[in-house]
Every structure is written in C-alpha cells, then in structure tokens.
Amino acid sequence: MTSPFLFHSLDVGPRLSARKLHICRLYDVLELSLLRNEFARARKAWAILARCKEIHWTTMWTTAVRVLGDETFNGHDSSKKIAFLHEMMLQVPDKRETILKEIVLRNIMAGQFRKALDELELYLPSFPYQDDPVLHNYAGLLSLYLSQSPISGVDDDVSNHSLLRSAQVHFRGAKALDSDNVIAAHFLSHVRFRCYENTCLTDPLRFIKQLTK
C-alpha cells in the first residue's frame, strides 16, 4: 500500500487519528524545508513537533542539528551546533559516543583541530569513551597532524615530541581494543620510525571519514 506521506521516519502507531495525521504532515513539511534550505519554515515545524507527546525529540538530535541552520562549517556555525550537541550528550546518554564523534568532526571541518583534540582528551579517559577504538584513532590522527610545526604554528620540538608520543599512545589504545585496526597499525609505524615527515597528514578529515563508513 502506498503511503500518503513523503517521509517514513516517524513512528506514530498503526492507527492514524486526525492528530497523528497532522503530525505526519508536519514532519513532511520539516523534511522538505530542510531539503530546500528553508530553515525559518523548518524551525517553525520543529518547534511544534518537539512539543508533541508522540515525538521523542531527543532521539531526533541529527534532525535538530540540521534545523539550526545551513552547514557552512565556519567557526560561528560550528560553535552554535557544538553547544547544542553537548546538551544532547546529557539528554541522550546512550548516544554519547556517537554525538562526541559528531562534535569532533564538526570541529575538524571548521578547521578547529586543536579544539577537536581537546574534546577527545577531555572525554577519552572516562567510560564509555575509553573503550571506543574509533575515538582513539581520532585522537591519534589529530595529535599526529598537530605535531607538524608548520600546521601547529609551534616550533618547539618538545611540544611536537609530546604530540607524537600522544599519537602513539592513542594508536596503541585503538590497536589493543581492535587488533584488526588497519588505520592504527598503519600510523603506528609512521610514529614509531619517525617517518611522518614524508607522509604529512595534510587532510586528516580524509582519514577520519574512513572510520565512519
């Protein structure tokens, strides 16, 4: 049977009352508005949906981030959305690791590599983050990237060596949690033999995206 709705993400039950029909129509308006970058209309639809008892809005945090505005990935855009994502980490504890990965990626795409690493260093020592090999790989890649003086803007060999040592620790952590982790194994060899100068991480996002596939 063909659905009368454009989008099928909402679970409002098998029986459609007039209220549920309106909610589904409103959800269609929300998704269409986002596709067309009509964020003012999307925010109005979201404001109504989020107040409906049938809608568990905290489970729709990815939609909520999109409602905040276009994906420009500049500093202002990222800081606003990252603040929201931090709030979602408190509201949706079972999605904390996934949300932290989103925070890290948004910082990276905005060119805020040091902030991305700071986020990881804040959470990685604690459970459940410490048991996630992907987060350790993120931290290792960022540490290795920032250890390159022209990028970090630091000519201090001690600081660079500290970042290299940090990268090694994180890659080892990822390998311990996932023995088949090819990214950790690959970059461990570069850190161990100090060959990273010949294979600079000019685009860490390319490697980090591989981990999310």
N, C-alpha and C. Protein backbone atom coordinates (compact mmCIF):
# COMPACT_ATOMS: atom_id res chain seq x y z
N MET A 1 0.85 -1.20 0.00
CA MET A 1 0.00 0.00 0.00
C MET A 1 0.88 1.25 0.00
N THR A 2 0.59 2.18 -0.87
CA THR A 2 1.38 3.40 -0.97
C THR A 2 1.07 4.32 0.20
N SER A 3 2.14 4.84 0.81
CA SER A 3 1.96 5.75 1.93
C SER A 3 1.55 7.13 1.43
N PRO A 4 0.65 7.79 2.17
CA PRO A 4 0.26 9.15 1.78
C PRO A 4 1.30 10.20 2.18
N PHE A 5 2.38 9.73 2.85
CA PHE A 5 3.39 10.66 3.36
C PHE A 5 4.68 10.54 2.56
N LEU A 6 5.43 11.62 2.52
CA LEU A 6 6.69 11.64 1.78
C LEU A 6 7.82 10.98 2.54
N PHE A 7 7.78 11.09 3.87
CA PHE A 7 8.85 10.56 4.71
C PHE A 7 8.26 9.57 5.71
N HIS A 8 9.04 8.57 6.08
CA HIS A 8 8.51 7.47 6.88
C HIS A 8 9.29 7.26 8.18
N SER A 9 9.96 8.27 8.67
CA SER A 9 10.79 8.10 9.86
C SER A 9 9.99 8.10 11.15
N LEU A 10 8.82 8.70 11.15
CA LEU A 10 8.05 8.82 12.38
C LEU A 10 7.31 7.52 12.69
N ASP A 11 7.31 7.17 13.98
CA ASP A 11 6.55 6.01 14.44
C ASP A 11 5.41 6.53 15.31
N VAL A 12 4.26 6.72 14.71
CA VAL A 12 3.12 7.27 15.44
C VAL A 12 2.03 6.23 15.66
N GLY A 13 2.37 4.95 15.43
CA GLY A 13 1.41 3.90 15.68
C GLY A 13 0.64 3.51 14.43
N PRO A 14 -0.03 2.33 14.47
CA PRO A 14 -0.72 1.82 13.28
C PRO A 14 -1.99 2.58 12.93
N ARG A 15 -2.64 3.15 13.93
CA ARG A 15 -3.92 3.83 13.68
C ARG A 15 -3.70 5.33 13.60
N LEU A 16 -4.14 5.92 12.52
CA LEU A 16 -3.92 7.35 12.30
C LEU A 16 -5.16 8.15 12.69
N SER A 17 -5.04 8.87 13.79
CA SER A 17 -6.10 9.81 14.16
C SER A 17 -5.85 11.11 13.40
N ALA A 18 -6.77 12.04 13.54
CA ALA A 18 -6.58 13.34 12.88
C ALA A 18 -5.32 14.02 13.40
N ARG A 19 -5.05 13.86 14.70
CA ARG A 19 -3.87 14.47 15.31
C ARG A 19 -2.59 13.86 14.73
N LYS A 20 -2.54 12.53 14.65
CA LYS A 20 -1.36 11.86 14.12
C LYS A 20 -1.15 12.17 12.64
N LEU A 21 -2.25 12.29 11.92
CA LEU A 21 -2.16 12.66 10.52
C LEU A 21 -1.52 14.04 10.37
N HIS A 22 -1.93 14.96 11.23
CA HIS A 22 -1.37 16.31 11.21
C HIS A 22 0.12 16.28 11.55
N ILE A 23 0.50 15.46 12.52
CA ILE A 23 1.91 15.35 12.91
C ILE A 23 2.75 14.83 11.74
N CYS A 24 2.24 13.81 11.05
CA CYS A 24 2.98 13.25 9.91
C CYS A 24 3.11 14.26 8.77
N ARG A 25 2.05 15.01 8.54
CA ARG A 25 2.10 16.06 7.51
C ARG A 25 3.13 17.13 7.90
N LEU A 26 3.15 17.46 9.18
CA LEU A 26 4.08 18.48 9.66
C LEU A 26 5.52 17.99 9.53
N TYR A 27 5.71 16.70 9.76
CA TYR A 27 7.05 16.13 9.59
C TYR A 27 7.49 16.20 8.13
N ASP A 28 6.56 15.98 7.21
CA ASP A 28 6.86 16.14 5.79
C ASP A 28 7.30 17.58 5.48
N VAL A 29 6.60 18.54 6.08
CA VAL A 29 6.95 19.95 5.90
C VAL A 29 8.36 20.21 6.41
N LEU A 30 8.68 19.64 7.58
CA LEU A 30 10.00 19.81 8.17
C LEU A 30 11.09 19.29 7.24
N GLU A 31 10.94 18.06 6.79
CA GLU A 31 11.98 17.45 5.96
C GLU A 31 12.11 18.15 4.60
N LEU A 32 11.00 18.51 4.01
CA LEU A 32 11.05 19.23 2.73
C LEU A 32 11.72 20.59 2.89
N SER A 33 11.41 21.26 3.98
CA SER A 33 12.01 22.58 4.23
C SER A 33 13.52 22.46 4.39
N LEU A 34 13.97 21.41 5.07
CA LEU A 34 15.41 21.21 5.24
C LEU A 34 16.07 20.91 3.90
N LEU A 35 15.42 20.10 3.08
CA LEU A 35 15.98 19.79 1.76
C LEU A 35 16.10 21.03 0.88
N ARG A 36 15.19 21.97 1.08
CA ARG A 36 15.19 23.20 0.28
C ARG A 36 15.95 24.34 0.96
N ASN A 37 16.58 24.04 2.10
CA ASN A 37 17.30 25.06 2.88
C ASN A 37 16.40 26.20 3.33
N GLU A 38 15.14 25.89 3.56
CA GLU A 38 14.19 26.88 4.09
C GLU A 38 14.14 26.71 5.61
N PHE A 39 15.17 27.24 6.27
CA PHE A 39 15.36 26.95 7.69
C PHE A 39 14.35 27.65 8.59
N ALA A 40 13.86 28.81 8.19
CA ALA A 40 12.86 29.50 9.00
C ALA A 40 11.59 28.65 9.10
N ARG A 41 11.16 28.11 7.97
CA ARG A 41 9.98 27.25 7.97
C ARG A 41 10.26 25.94 8.72
N ALA A 42 11.46 25.40 8.54
CA ALA A 42 11.82 24.16 9.24
C ALA A 42 11.79 24.35 10.75
N ARG A 43 12.29 25.50 11.22
CA ARG A 43 12.30 25.77 12.66
C ARG A 43 10.89 25.89 13.22
N LYS A 44 9.99 26.47 12.45
CA LYS A 44 8.59 26.58 12.90
C LYS A 44 7.95 25.19 13.02
N ALA A 45 8.19 24.35 12.03
CA ALA A 45 7.65 22.99 12.08
C ALA A 45 8.26 22.20 13.23
N TRP A 46 9.56 22.36 13.43
CA TRP A 46 10.25 21.65 14.51
C TRP A 46 9.75 22.11 15.88
N ALA A 47 9.51 23.40 16.03
CA ALA A 47 9.04 23.93 17.31
C ALA A 47 7.71 23.31 17.71
N ILE A 48 6.86 23.03 16.74
CA ILE A 48 5.57 22.39 17.03
C ILE A 48 5.77 20.90 17.31
N LEU A 49 6.53 20.23 16.46
CA LEU A 49 6.74 18.79 16.62
C LEU A 49 7.40 18.44 17.95
N ALA A 50 8.37 19.24 18.35
CA ALA A 50 9.10 18.95 19.58
C ALA A 50 8.22 19.01 20.82
N ARG A 51 7.08 19.69 20.72
CA ARG A 51 6.15 19.80 21.84
C ARG A 51 5.08 18.70 21.85
N CYS A 52 5.05 17.90 20.81
CA CYS A 52 4.04 16.83 20.71
C CYS A 52 4.50 15.61 21.52
N LYS A 53 3.60 15.06 22.32
CA LYS A 53 3.95 13.92 23.16
C LYS A 53 4.32 12.69 22.33
N GLU A 54 3.83 12.63 21.11
CA GLU A 54 4.14 11.49 20.24
C GLU A 54 5.57 11.53 19.69
N ILE A 55 6.20 12.67 19.79
CA ILE A 55 7.54 12.85 19.23
C ILE A 55 8.59 12.79 20.32
N HIS A 56 9.50 11.83 20.21
CA HIS A 56 10.64 11.75 21.14
C HIS A 56 11.79 12.54 20.51
N TRP A 57 11.76 13.83 20.75
CA TRP A 57 12.65 14.72 20.01
C TRP A 57 14.13 14.48 20.31
N THR A 58 14.44 13.95 21.51
CA THR A 58 15.86 13.73 21.83
C THR A 58 16.48 12.64 20.95
N THR A 59 15.65 11.74 20.43
CA THR A 59 16.18 10.70 19.53
C THR A 59 16.37 11.24 18.11
N MET A 60 15.89 12.46 17.88
CA MET A 60 16.00 13.08 16.55
C MET A 60 17.05 14.19 16.56
N TRP A 61 18.12 13.99 17.33
CA TRP A 61 19.10 15.05 17.51
C TRP A 61 19.81 15.41 16.19
N THR A 62 19.94 14.44 15.27
CA THR A 62 20.58 14.77 13.99
C THR A 62 19.72 15.74 13.18
N THR A 63 18.40 15.56 13.25
CA THR A 63 17.48 16.49 12.59
C THR A 63 17.54 17.85 13.25
N ALA A 64 17.61 17.86 14.58
CA ALA A 64 17.65 19.12 15.32
C ALA A 64 18.88 19.94 14.95
N VAL A 65 20.01 19.28 14.75
CA VAL A 65 21.23 19.99 14.34
C VAL A 65 21.03 20.65 12.98
N ARG A 66 20.39 19.94 12.07
CA ARG A 66 20.13 20.50 10.73
C ARG A 66 19.20 21.70 10.80
N VAL A 67 18.25 21.67 11.73
CA VAL A 67 17.30 22.77 11.88
C VAL A 67 18.01 24.06 12.29
N LEU A 68 19.16 23.93 12.96
CA LEU A 68 19.87 25.11 13.44
C LEU A 68 20.42 25.98 12.32
N GLY A 69 20.52 25.44 11.11
CA GLY A 69 20.98 26.29 10.00
C GLY A 69 21.79 25.53 8.98
N ASP A 70 22.19 26.25 7.94
CA ASP A 70 22.94 25.67 6.84
C ASP A 70 24.30 25.18 7.33
N GLU A 71 24.82 24.16 6.66
CA GLU A 71 26.11 23.58 7.03
C GLU A 71 27.24 24.37 6.40
N THR A 72 27.59 25.49 7.01
CA THR A 72 28.69 26.30 6.49
C THR A 72 30.03 25.87 7.06
N PHE A 73 30.00 25.22 8.23
CA PHE A 73 31.20 24.73 8.91
C PHE A 73 32.23 25.84 9.17
N ASN A 74 31.74 27.06 9.40
CA ASN A 74 32.65 28.10 9.86
C ASN A 74 32.64 28.09 11.39
N GLY A 75 33.47 28.95 11.99
CA GLY A 75 33.58 28.95 13.44
C GLY A 75 32.27 29.22 14.15
N HIS A 76 31.52 30.21 13.67
CA HIS A 76 30.25 30.58 14.32
C HIS A 76 29.23 29.46 14.17
N ASP A 77 29.10 28.94 12.98
CA ASP A 77 28.14 27.87 12.72
C ASP A 77 28.45 26.66 13.59
N SER A 78 29.72 26.28 13.66
CA SER A 78 30.11 25.09 14.41
C SER A 78 29.92 25.27 15.90
N SER A 79 30.28 26.43 16.45
CA SER A 79 30.17 26.64 17.89
C SER A 79 28.72 26.56 18.36
N LYS A 80 27.80 27.08 17.56
CA LYS A 80 26.38 27.02 17.91
C LYS A 80 25.88 25.59 17.93
N LYS A 81 26.25 24.83 16.93
CA LYS A 81 25.78 23.45 16.84
C LYS A 81 26.50 22.54 17.83
N ILE A 82 27.76 22.83 18.09
CA ILE A 82 28.51 22.03 19.06
C ILE A 82 27.96 22.24 20.46
N ALA A 83 27.56 23.46 20.79
CA ALA A 83 26.94 23.72 22.09
C ALA A 83 25.66 22.90 22.24
N PHE A 84 24.89 22.82 21.17
CA PHE A 84 23.66 22.01 21.19
C PHE A 84 24.01 20.53 21.36
N LEU A 85 25.03 20.07 20.66
CA LEU A 85 25.42 18.66 20.76
C LEU A 85 25.91 18.29 22.15
N HIS A 86 26.58 19.22 22.81
CA HIS A 86 26.98 18.98 24.21
C HIS A 86 25.76 18.79 25.10
N GLU A 87 24.74 19.58 24.85
CA GLU A 87 23.49 19.42 25.61
C GLU A 87 22.86 18.06 25.31
N MET A 88 22.93 17.63 24.07
CA MET A 88 22.36 16.34 23.69
C MET A 88 23.11 15.17 24.35
N MET A 89 24.38 15.35 24.62
CA MET A 89 25.13 14.30 25.31
C MET A 89 24.55 14.04 26.70
N LEU A 90 24.00 15.08 27.31
CA LEU A 90 23.37 14.93 28.62
C LEU A 90 21.96 14.38 28.49
N GLN A 91 21.27 14.76 27.42
CA GLN A 91 19.88 14.35 27.23
C GLN A 91 19.76 12.92 26.69
N VAL A 92 20.74 12.49 25.91
CA VAL A 92 20.67 11.16 25.28
C VAL A 92 21.94 10.38 25.64
N PRO A 93 22.06 9.91 26.88
CA PRO A 93 23.31 9.27 27.33
C PRO A 93 23.71 8.03 26.54
N ASP A 94 22.75 7.31 25.97
CA ASP A 94 23.10 6.09 25.22
C ASP A 94 23.70 6.41 23.85
N LYS A 95 23.70 7.69 23.46
CA LYS A 95 24.28 8.10 22.18
C LYS A 95 25.51 9.00 22.37
N ARG A 96 26.06 8.98 23.58
CA ARG A 96 27.16 9.90 23.89
C ARG A 96 28.36 9.73 22.96
N GLU A 97 28.74 8.50 22.68
CA GLU A 97 29.91 8.28 21.83
C GLU A 97 29.66 8.77 20.40
N THR A 98 28.48 8.48 19.89
CA THR A 98 28.13 8.93 18.54
C THR A 98 28.11 10.45 18.45
N ILE A 99 27.56 11.08 19.47
CA ILE A 99 27.48 12.55 19.48
C ILE A 99 28.86 13.16 19.61
N LEU A 100 29.73 12.56 20.43
CA LEU A 100 31.10 13.07 20.56
C LEU A 100 31.82 13.00 19.21
N LYS A 101 31.62 11.93 18.47
CA LYS A 101 32.24 11.83 17.14
C LYS A 101 31.74 12.95 16.23
N GLU A 102 30.46 13.27 16.34
CA GLU A 102 29.90 14.37 15.54
C GLU A 102 30.54 15.70 15.94
N ILE A 103 30.74 15.90 17.24
CA ILE A 103 31.38 17.13 17.73
C ILE A 103 32.80 17.25 17.18
N VAL A 104 33.54 16.16 17.25
CA VAL A 104 34.92 16.15 16.75
C VAL A 104 34.96 16.44 15.25
N LEU A 105 34.10 15.79 14.49
CA LEU A 105 34.07 16.01 13.04
C LEU A 105 33.73 17.45 12.69
N ARG A 106 32.80 18.04 13.43
CA ARG A 106 32.40 19.42 13.14
C ARG A 106 33.54 20.39 13.45
N ASN A 107 34.27 20.14 14.52
CA ASN A 107 35.44 20.97 14.81
C ASN A 107 36.49 20.85 13.72
N ILE A 108 36.71 19.64 13.24
CA ILE A 108 37.70 19.43 12.18
C ILE A 108 37.29 20.13 10.90
N MET A 109 36.02 19.98 10.52
CA MET A 109 35.55 20.59 9.27
C MET A 109 35.55 22.11 9.34
N ALA A 110 35.54 22.65 10.56
CA ALA A 110 35.65 24.10 10.74
C ALA A 110 37.10 24.54 10.88
N GLY A 111 38.04 23.58 10.76
CA GLY A 111 39.46 23.91 10.88
C GLY A 111 39.94 24.06 12.31
N GLN A 112 39.11 23.65 13.28
CA GLN A 112 39.45 23.78 14.70
C GLN A 112 40.06 22.46 15.20
N PHE A 113 41.25 22.15 14.73
CA PHE A 113 41.87 20.86 15.03
C PHE A 113 42.26 20.74 16.50
N ARG A 114 42.77 21.83 17.07
CA ARG A 114 43.16 21.79 18.48
C ARG A 114 41.94 21.60 19.37
N LYS A 115 40.84 22.25 19.04
CA LYS A 115 39.60 22.08 19.81
C LYS A 115 39.09 20.65 19.70
N ALA A 116 39.20 20.08 18.52
CA ALA A 116 38.76 18.70 18.33
C ALA A 116 39.55 17.75 19.23
N LEU A 117 40.87 17.97 19.29
CA LEU A 117 41.70 17.12 20.15
C LEU A 117 41.40 17.37 21.62
N ASP A 118 41.17 18.62 21.99
CA ASP A 118 40.82 18.94 23.38
C ASP A 118 39.55 18.22 23.81
N GLU A 119 38.57 18.17 22.92
CA GLU A 119 37.32 17.45 23.23
C GLU A 119 37.61 15.99 23.53
N LEU A 120 38.42 15.38 22.69
CA LEU A 120 38.75 13.97 22.87
C LEU A 120 39.54 13.74 24.15
N GLU A 121 40.49 14.60 24.43
CA GLU A 121 41.31 14.44 25.64
C GLU A 121 40.49 14.63 26.90
N LEU A 122 39.41 15.39 26.80
CA LEU A 122 38.52 15.59 27.95
C LEU A 122 37.72 14.33 28.27
N TYR A 123 37.23 13.66 27.23
CA TYR A 123 36.32 12.53 27.44
C TYR A 123 36.99 11.16 27.40
N LEU A 124 38.08 11.00 26.66
CA LEU A 124 38.66 9.68 26.45
C LEU A 124 39.10 8.96 27.73
N PRO A 125 39.54 9.65 28.78
CA PRO A 125 39.94 8.91 29.98
C PRO A 125 38.78 8.24 30.71
N SER A 126 37.55 8.58 30.37
CA SER A 126 36.40 8.07 31.12
C SER A 126 35.58 7.07 30.29
N PHE A 127 34.79 6.28 31.01
CA PHE A 127 33.87 5.33 30.37
C PHE A 127 32.65 6.09 29.87
N PRO A 128 32.08 5.72 28.71
CA PRO A 128 32.40 4.58 27.83
C PRO A 128 33.38 4.92 26.71
N TYR A 129 33.83 6.16 26.69
CA TYR A 129 34.65 6.63 25.56
C TYR A 129 35.98 5.88 25.46
N GLN A 130 36.55 5.52 26.61
CA GLN A 130 37.86 4.88 26.61
C GLN A 130 37.87 3.52 25.91
N ASP A 131 36.68 2.93 25.75
CA ASP A 131 36.59 1.62 25.11
C ASP A 131 36.23 1.70 23.63
N ASP A 132 36.28 2.88 23.06
CA ASP A 132 35.92 3.07 21.65
C ASP A 132 37.19 3.26 20.81
N PRO A 133 37.56 2.27 19.99
CA PRO A 133 38.79 2.40 19.20
C PRO A 133 38.75 3.53 18.18
N VAL A 134 37.56 3.86 17.68
CA VAL A 134 37.44 4.94 16.71
C VAL A 134 37.84 6.28 17.33
N LEU A 135 37.42 6.52 18.56
CA LEU A 135 37.78 7.76 19.24
C LEU A 135 39.29 7.83 19.48
N HIS A 136 39.91 6.70 19.80
CA HIS A 136 41.37 6.68 19.96
C HIS A 136 42.05 6.97 18.63
N ASN A 137 41.51 6.45 17.55
CA ASN A 137 42.07 6.76 16.23
C ASN A 137 41.95 8.24 15.91
N TYR A 138 40.79 8.82 16.22
CA TYR A 138 40.61 10.26 16.01
C TYR A 138 41.70 11.04 16.75
N ALA A 139 41.89 10.70 18.03
CA ALA A 139 42.87 11.42 18.85
C ALA A 139 44.28 11.21 18.31
N GLY A 140 44.58 10.00 17.85
CA GLY A 140 45.90 9.73 17.30
C GLY A 140 46.16 10.52 16.03
N LEU A 141 45.18 10.55 15.13
CA LEU A 141 45.33 11.29 13.88
C LEU A 141 45.48 12.79 14.12
N LEU A 142 44.69 13.32 15.04
CA LEU A 142 44.78 14.75 15.34
C LEU A 142 46.11 15.10 16.00
N SER A 143 46.58 14.25 16.91
CA SER A 143 47.87 14.50 17.56
C SER A 143 49.00 14.47 16.54
N LEU A 144 48.95 13.51 15.64
CA LEU A 144 49.97 13.40 14.60
C LEU A 144 49.93 14.60 13.67
N TYR A 145 48.73 15.02 13.32
CA TYR A 145 48.55 16.19 12.44
C TYR A 145 49.11 17.46 13.08
N LEU A 146 48.78 17.66 14.36
CA LEU A 146 49.20 18.88 15.06
C LEU A 146 50.68 18.87 15.41
N SER A 147 51.31 17.70 15.35
CA SER A 147 52.74 17.63 15.68
C SER A 147 53.60 18.23 14.59
N GLN A 148 53.01 18.51 13.44
CA GLN A 148 53.75 19.11 12.34
C GLN A 148 53.85 20.61 12.55
N SER A 149 55.05 21.10 12.74
CA SER A 149 55.27 22.50 13.11
C SER A 149 54.60 23.52 12.19
N PRO A 150 54.68 23.39 10.87
CA PRO A 150 54.05 24.40 10.01
C PRO A 150 52.56 24.51 10.22
N ILE A 151 51.92 23.42 10.68
CA ILE A 151 50.47 23.43 10.87
C ILE A 151 50.12 23.95 12.24
N SER A 152 50.83 23.47 13.25
CA SER A 152 50.50 23.86 14.62
C SER A 152 50.97 25.27 14.94
N GLY A 153 51.94 25.77 14.16
CA GLY A 153 52.47 27.10 14.44
C GLY A 153 53.43 27.10 15.61
N VAL A 154 53.86 25.93 16.01
CA VAL A 154 54.76 25.80 17.16
C VAL A 154 56.07 25.21 16.68
N ASP A 155 57.17 25.87 17.00
CA ASP A 155 58.48 25.37 16.60
C ASP A 155 59.18 24.65 17.74
N ASP A 156 58.44 24.38 18.80
CA ASP A 156 59.01 23.76 19.98
C ASP A 156 59.10 22.26 19.75
N ASP A 157 60.32 21.74 19.66
CA ASP A 157 60.49 20.30 19.43
C ASP A 157 59.92 19.47 20.56
N VAL A 158 59.96 20.01 21.78
CA VAL A 158 59.42 19.28 22.93
C VAL A 158 57.91 19.10 22.79
N SER A 159 57.22 20.17 22.39
CA SER A 159 55.77 20.10 22.20
C SER A 159 55.41 19.11 21.09
N ASN A 160 56.17 19.17 20.00
CA ASN A 160 55.90 18.27 18.89
C ASN A 160 56.16 16.82 19.29
N HIS A 161 57.22 16.60 20.05
CA HIS A 161 57.52 15.24 20.51
C HIS A 161 56.43 14.74 21.44
N SER A 162 55.89 15.63 22.27
CA SER A 162 54.80 15.25 23.18
C SER A 162 53.56 14.83 22.40
N LEU A 163 53.27 15.56 21.33
CA LEU A 163 52.12 15.21 20.49
C LEU A 163 52.34 13.88 19.78
N LEU A 164 53.58 13.64 19.33
CA LEU A 164 53.89 12.36 18.70
C LEU A 164 53.72 11.21 19.68
N ARG A 165 54.17 11.43 20.90
CA ARG A 165 54.04 10.40 21.93
C ARG A 165 52.56 10.15 22.24
N SER A 166 51.78 11.23 22.26
CA SER A 166 50.34 11.10 22.49
C SER A 166 49.68 10.32 21.36
N ALA A 167 50.09 10.61 20.12
CA ALA A 167 49.55 9.88 18.97
C ALA A 167 49.85 8.39 19.09
N GLN A 168 51.08 8.08 19.50
CA GLN A 168 51.47 6.68 19.64
C GLN A 168 50.62 5.98 20.70
N VAL A 169 50.38 6.65 21.81
CA VAL A 169 49.55 6.08 22.89
C VAL A 169 48.14 5.79 22.39
N HIS A 170 47.57 6.73 21.66
CA HIS A 170 46.20 6.55 21.18
C HIS A 170 46.10 5.46 20.12
N PHE A 171 47.07 5.40 19.22
CA PHE A 171 47.04 4.35 18.21
C PHE A 171 47.22 2.97 18.85
N ARG A 172 48.07 2.90 19.88
CA ARG A 172 48.23 1.64 20.60
C ARG A 172 46.93 1.26 21.32
N GLY A 173 46.26 2.28 21.87
CA GLY A 173 44.98 2.02 22.53
C GLY A 173 43.94 1.48 21.56
N ALA A 174 43.89 2.07 20.37
CA ALA A 174 42.95 1.61 19.35
C ALA A 174 43.28 0.18 18.92
N LYS A 175 44.58 -0.12 18.80
CA LYS A 175 45.01 -1.46 18.39
C LYS A 175 44.70 -2.48 19.47
N ALA A 176 44.83 -2.09 20.73
CA ALA A 176 44.52 -3.00 21.83
C ALA A 176 43.03 -3.35 21.87
N LEU A 177 42.20 -2.37 21.53
CA LEU A 177 40.75 -2.59 21.53
C LEU A 177 40.28 -3.31 20.27
N ASP A 178 41.01 -3.12 19.18
CA ASP A 178 40.64 -3.73 17.90
C ASP A 178 41.92 -4.18 17.19
N SER A 179 42.25 -5.44 17.33
CA SER A 179 43.52 -5.95 16.81
C SER A 179 43.61 -5.85 15.29
N ASP A 180 42.47 -5.75 14.61
CA ASP A 180 42.46 -5.64 13.14
C ASP A 180 42.38 -4.19 12.65
N ASN A 181 42.64 -3.26 13.53
CA ASN A 181 42.51 -1.84 13.19
C ASN A 181 43.65 -1.43 12.27
N VAL A 182 43.39 -1.37 10.97
CA VAL A 182 44.44 -1.11 9.98
C VAL A 182 44.95 0.33 10.04
N ILE A 183 44.07 1.27 10.38
CA ILE A 183 44.50 2.67 10.45
C ILE A 183 45.48 2.86 11.60
N ALA A 184 45.16 2.30 12.75
CA ALA A 184 46.06 2.40 13.90
C ALA A 184 47.40 1.74 13.59
N ALA A 185 47.37 0.56 12.98
CA ALA A 185 48.61 -0.15 12.65
C ALA A 185 49.45 0.65 11.65
N HIS A 186 48.78 1.23 10.66
CA HIS A 186 49.50 1.99 9.62
C HIS A 186 50.22 3.19 10.22
N PHE A 187 49.50 3.98 11.01
CA PHE A 187 50.11 5.20 11.52
C PHE A 187 51.04 4.95 12.70
N LEU A 188 50.86 3.83 13.38
CA LEU A 188 51.82 3.47 14.43
C LEU A 188 53.22 3.31 13.84
N SER A 189 53.29 2.71 12.66
CA SER A 189 54.59 2.51 12.03
C SER A 189 55.24 3.84 11.68
N HIS A 190 54.45 4.82 11.27
CA HIS A 190 55.00 6.14 10.93
C HIS A 190 55.50 6.86 12.18
N VAL A 191 54.76 6.72 13.26
CA VAL A 191 55.19 7.37 14.50
C VAL A 191 56.42 6.67 15.04
N ARG A 192 56.40 5.35 15.02
CA ARG A 192 57.49 4.56 15.60
C ARG A 192 58.81 4.83 14.91
N PHE A 193 58.79 4.93 13.60
CA PHE A 193 60.03 5.14 12.85
C PHE A 193 60.23 6.59 12.43
N ARG A 194 59.38 7.46 12.97
CA ARG A 194 59.51 8.90 12.74
C ARG A 194 59.59 9.23 11.25
N CYS A 195 58.73 8.59 10.45
CA CYS A 195 58.69 8.84 9.01
C CYS A 195 57.53 9.75 8.64
N TYR A 196 56.89 10.34 9.63
CA TYR A 196 55.70 11.13 9.34
C TYR A 196 56.02 12.35 8.50
N GLU A 197 57.30 12.80 8.48
CA GLU A 197 57.64 13.96 7.66
C GLU A 197 57.39 13.68 6.18
N ASN A 198 57.53 12.43 5.79
CA ASN A 198 57.38 12.08 4.37
C ASN A 198 55.94 11.80 3.98
N THR A 199 55.07 11.67 4.97
CA THR A 199 53.66 11.39 4.68
C THR A 199 52.80 12.28 5.56
N CYS A 200 52.93 13.56 5.38
CA CYS A 200 52.22 14.51 6.23
C CYS A 200 50.71 14.34 6.11
N LEU A 201 50.04 14.53 7.23
CA LEU A 201 48.58 14.44 7.25
C LEU A 201 48.01 15.79 6.82
N THR A 202 48.08 16.08 5.54
CA THR A 202 47.57 17.36 5.06
C THR A 202 46.06 17.42 5.09
N ASP A 203 45.42 16.26 5.17
CA ASP A 203 43.96 16.22 5.19
C ASP A 203 43.50 15.13 6.17
N PRO A 204 43.54 15.39 7.47
CA PRO A 204 43.16 14.37 8.45
C PRO A 204 41.70 13.97 8.32
N LEU A 205 40.88 14.87 7.80
CA LEU A 205 39.46 14.56 7.66
C LEU A 205 39.26 13.38 6.72
N ARG A 206 40.13 13.26 5.71
CA ARG A 206 40.00 12.14 4.76
C ARG A 206 40.16 10.80 5.49
N PHE A 207 41.12 10.75 6.42
CA PHE A 207 41.33 9.51 7.16
C PHE A 207 40.22 9.28 8.18
N ILE A 208 39.78 10.35 8.84
CA ILE A 208 38.75 10.21 9.85
C ILE A 208 37.43 9.79 9.23
N LYS A 209 37.14 10.27 8.03
CA LYS A 209 35.91 9.86 7.35
C LYS A 209 35.90 8.36 7.07
N GLN A 210 37.09 7.79 6.87
CA GLN A 210 37.16 6.35 6.61
C GLN A 210 36.67 5.56 7.82
N LEU A 211 36.84 6.12 9.00
CA LEU A 211 36.46 5.42 10.22
C LEU A 211 34.96 5.42 10.43
N THR A 212 34.25 6.34 9.77
CA THR A 212 32.82 6.46 9.99
C THR A 212 32.00 5.68 8.97
N LYS A 213 32.67 5.09 8.00
CA LYS A 213 31.95 4.35 6.96
C LYS A 213 31.51 2.99 7.49
